């Protein structure tokens, strides 16, 4: 497996991240946006070269877990697309534990979240539902995330050293959501 360079996650746009929950107000229009997009198929207008990987059963199960957590959070399919694309970039949808010298700091799980940055305990952030819900809490703090390019929305939450890398996974993430959202 290629080593994936990790980054420090500090929170969204200067918002505090404590105890696995972003502090501060959640965008009030998130529920309205969900109601407006509920039941509509996810469309994708990708930009740039796209990457794809063949998924094994574990990776597919992790994609399904991200979709289930997105539904649990009451968010639309677009949130699942952003989450899956982020996880594809960060871990290739593998729930990574500590990798020794191959880790960037203490990054763990599907989203390579860091316990030292307040995302949660190692046990929490290696739980697909918990880590997805933590990511989605951050996403909901991003004003206008529903309408911005995927890479910008993901980068605002993740604060990656490679902010444009998320875009390459948008088509595969969209295909996964379209395939598994109603299953």
Protein backbone atom coordinates (compact mmCIF):
# COMPACT_ATOMS: atom_id res chain seq x y z
CA UNK A 1 0.00 0.00 0.00
CA UNK A 2 1.28 3.46 -0.79
CA UNK A 3 2.03 5.66 2.16
CA UNK A 4 -0.54 8.40 2.43
CA UNK A 5 0.74 11.69 3.83
CA UNK A 6 -1.40 12.89 6.71
CA UNK A 7 -2.15 16.32 8.06
CA UNK A 8 -3.06 18.05 11.25
CA UNK A 9 -6.79 18.44 11.75
CA UNK A 10 -7.57 21.55 13.72
CA UNK A 11 -11.29 22.00 13.12
CA UNK A 12 -13.40 23.95 10.68
CA UNK A 13 -12.67 27.57 9.91
CA UNK A 14 -11.33 28.28 13.37
CA UNK A 15 -14.16 26.57 15.23
CA UNK A 16 -13.23 24.67 18.34
CA UNK A 17 -13.34 20.90 18.27
CA UNK A 18 -13.83 19.37 21.67
CA UNK A 19 -14.79 15.90 22.75
CA UNK A 20 -15.48 14.74 19.21
CA UNK A 21 -18.04 17.49 18.59
CA UNK A 22 -17.55 20.80 16.85
CA UNK A 23 -18.41 23.70 19.11
CA UNK A 24 -20.44 26.53 17.67
CA UNK A 25 -23.66 26.85 15.75
CA UNK A 26 -24.54 24.39 13.03
CA UNK A 27 -25.72 26.01 9.84
CA UNK A 28 -29.44 26.52 10.28
CA UNK A 29 -30.17 25.84 6.64
CA UNK A 30 -28.80 22.28 6.69
CA UNK A 31 -32.23 20.78 7.37
CA UNK A 32 -33.80 22.94 4.68
CA UNK A 33 -31.17 21.85 2.17
CA UNK A 34 -31.77 18.21 3.06
CA UNK A 35 -35.51 18.59 2.55
CA UNK A 36 -34.95 20.26 -0.82
CA UNK A 37 -32.65 17.49 -2.07
CA UNK A 38 -34.24 14.42 -0.50
CA UNK A 39 -34.96 11.69 -3.00
CA UNK A 40 -33.08 13.32 -5.86
CA UNK A 41 -30.34 11.23 -7.49
CA UNK A 42 -26.84 12.48 -6.96
CA UNK A 43 -25.46 14.13 -10.08
CA UNK A 44 -21.78 14.72 -10.50
CA UNK A 45 -19.90 17.27 -12.52
CA UNK A 46 -16.33 16.24 -11.88
CA UNK A 47 -13.35 18.36 -12.69
CA UNK A 48 -9.90 17.08 -13.46
CA UNK A 49 -8.56 13.57 -13.76
CA UNK A 50 -10.44 10.94 -11.81
CA UNK A 51 -8.98 8.03 -9.88
CA UNK A 52 -10.65 4.74 -9.15
CA UNK A 53 -9.74 1.66 -7.18
CA UNK A 54 -11.26 -1.81 -7.05
CA UNK A 55 -12.86 -2.25 -3.64
CA UNK A 56 -12.69 -5.41 -1.58
CA UNK A 57 -15.53 -6.51 0.72
CA UNK A 58 -14.17 -4.55 3.70
CA UNK A 59 -13.86 -1.32 1.70
CA UNK A 60 -17.37 -1.76 0.32
CA UNK A 61 -18.68 -2.35 3.86
CA UNK A 62 -16.95 0.86 4.96
CA UNK A 63 -18.59 2.80 2.11
CA UNK A 64 -21.96 1.38 3.19
CA UNK A 65 -21.21 2.37 6.81
CA UNK A 66 -20.49 5.94 5.69
CA UNK A 67 -23.79 6.01 3.81
CA UNK A 68 -25.68 4.63 6.84
CA UNK A 69 -24.10 7.23 9.14
CA UNK A 70 -24.98 9.99 6.67
CA UNK A 71 -28.60 8.85 6.70
CA UNK A 72 -28.51 8.67 10.51
CA UNK A 73 -27.30 12.29 10.56
CA UNK A 74 -30.26 13.24 8.35
CA UNK A 75 -28.04 14.54 5.57
CA UNK A 76 -28.51 14.16 1.82
CA UNK A 77 -26.63 11.96 -0.59
CA UNK A 78 -24.22 14.80 -1.44
CA UNK A 79 -22.85 14.59 2.12
CA UNK A 80 -22.21 10.87 1.62
CA UNK A 81 -20.40 11.58 -1.66
CA UNK A 82 -18.14 14.13 0.04
CA UNK A 83 -17.53 11.73 2.95
CA UNK A 84 -16.69 8.75 0.76
CA UNK A 85 -14.42 10.81 -1.52
CA UNK A 86 -12.64 12.10 1.57
CA UNK A 87 -12.19 8.59 2.91
CA UNK A 88 -10.98 7.34 -0.47
CA UNK A 89 -8.28 10.01 -0.41
CA UNK A 90 -7.36 9.60 3.23
CA UNK A 91 -7.39 5.80 3.61
CA UNK A 92 -8.69 4.21 0.40
CA UNK A 93 -11.76 3.29 2.51
CA UNK A 94 -9.58 1.18 4.82
CA UNK A 95 -10.11 1.60 8.55
CA UNK A 96 -6.45 2.16 9.36
CA UNK A 97 -5.06 1.66 12.82
CA UNK A 98 -1.68 2.92 13.92
CA UNK A 99 0.85 2.28 11.14
CA UNK A 100 4.04 3.01 13.09
CA UNK A 101 6.49 5.05 11.03
CA UNK A 102 4.03 5.12 8.11
CA UNK A 103 1.56 7.24 10.14
CA UNK A 104 1.55 10.99 10.00
CA UNK A 105 1.41 11.75 13.68
CA UNK A 106 -1.50 9.87 15.24
CA UNK A 107 -3.90 9.79 12.27
CA UNK A 108 -6.33 6.84 12.38
CA UNK A 109 -9.41 5.38 10.76
CA UNK A 110 -11.28 5.99 7.52
CA UNK A 111 -10.77 9.77 7.62
CA UNK A 112 -7.30 9.77 9.22
CA UNK A 113 -8.58 11.79 12.14
CA UNK A 114 -6.24 12.54 15.02
CA UNK A 115 -6.97 11.90 18.69
CA UNK A 116 -4.49 14.64 19.59
CA UNK A 117 -6.57 17.14 17.60
CA UNK A 118 -9.78 16.34 19.45
CA UNK A 119 -11.55 14.05 16.98
CA UNK A 120 -12.04 11.40 19.68
CA UNK A 121 -10.26 8.46 21.21
CA UNK A 122 -8.46 5.93 19.01
CA UNK A 123 -11.34 3.51 19.61
CA UNK A 124 -13.91 6.11 18.59
CA UNK A 125 -12.23 7.30 15.41
CA UNK A 126 -11.61 3.76 14.22
CA UNK A 127 -15.35 3.14 14.48
CA UNK A 128 -16.76 3.90 10.99
CA UNK A 129 -20.04 5.34 12.28
CA UNK A 130 -18.41 7.58 14.87
CA UNK A 131 -15.72 8.86 12.51
CA UNK A 132 -18.26 9.57 9.77
CA UNK A 133 -20.56 11.41 12.17
CA UNK A 134 -17.57 13.45 13.42
CA UNK A 135 -16.66 14.33 9.82
CA UNK A 136 -20.28 15.25 9.05
CA UNK A 137 -20.51 17.49 12.12
CA UNK A 138 -17.59 19.40 10.68
CA UNK A 139 -19.13 19.46 7.22
CA UNK A 140 -22.38 20.92 8.57
CA UNK A 141 -20.34 23.81 9.98
CA UNK A 142 -19.19 24.77 6.48
CA UNK A 143 -21.56 27.41 5.20
CA UNK A 144 -22.76 26.48 1.72
CA UNK A 145 -21.07 23.05 1.62
CA UNK A 146 -23.96 21.66 -0.45
CA UNK A 147 -23.12 23.91 -3.39
CA UNK A 148 -19.34 24.15 -3.25
CA UNK A 149 -16.88 21.93 -5.08
CA UNK A 150 -16.30 18.65 -3.24
CA UNK A 151 -12.61 19.32 -2.73
CA UNK A 152 -13.29 22.69 -1.07
CA UNK A 153 -15.90 21.22 1.29
CA UNK A 154 -13.65 18.29 2.23
CA UNK A 155 -10.60 20.51 2.64
CA UNK A 156 -12.42 22.91 4.95
CA UNK A 157 -13.10 20.01 7.32
CA UNK A 158 -9.87 18.06 6.87
CA UNK A 159 -7.28 20.86 6.54
CA UNK A 160 -5.05 18.71 4.33
CA UNK A 161 -1.58 19.54 3.07
CA UNK A 162 -2.96 18.47 -0.34
CA UNK A 163 -6.27 20.34 -0.63
CA UNK A 164 -7.01 19.47 -4.25
CA UNK A 165 -6.53 15.72 -3.86
CA UNK A 166 -10.14 14.99 -2.85
CA UNK A 167 -11.57 15.91 -6.25
CA UNK A 168 -10.05 12.89 -7.97
CA UNK A 169 -12.44 10.56 -6.09
CA UNK A 170 -15.72 12.35 -6.82
CA UNK A 171 -16.90 10.07 -9.62
CA UNK A 172 -16.19 6.84 -7.75
CA UNK A 173 -17.77 8.24 -4.57
CA UNK A 174 -20.86 9.30 -6.52
CA UNK A 175 -21.12 5.89 -8.15
CA UNK A 176 -20.88 4.19 -4.72
CA UNK A 177 -23.59 6.40 -3.24
CA UNK A 178 -25.86 5.88 -6.25
CA UNK A 179 -25.30 2.11 -5.98
CA UNK A 180 -25.80 1.72 -2.22
CA UNK A 181 -27.99 4.60 -0.98
CA UNK A 182 -31.25 2.65 -1.33
CA UNK A 183 -29.88 -0.82 -0.56
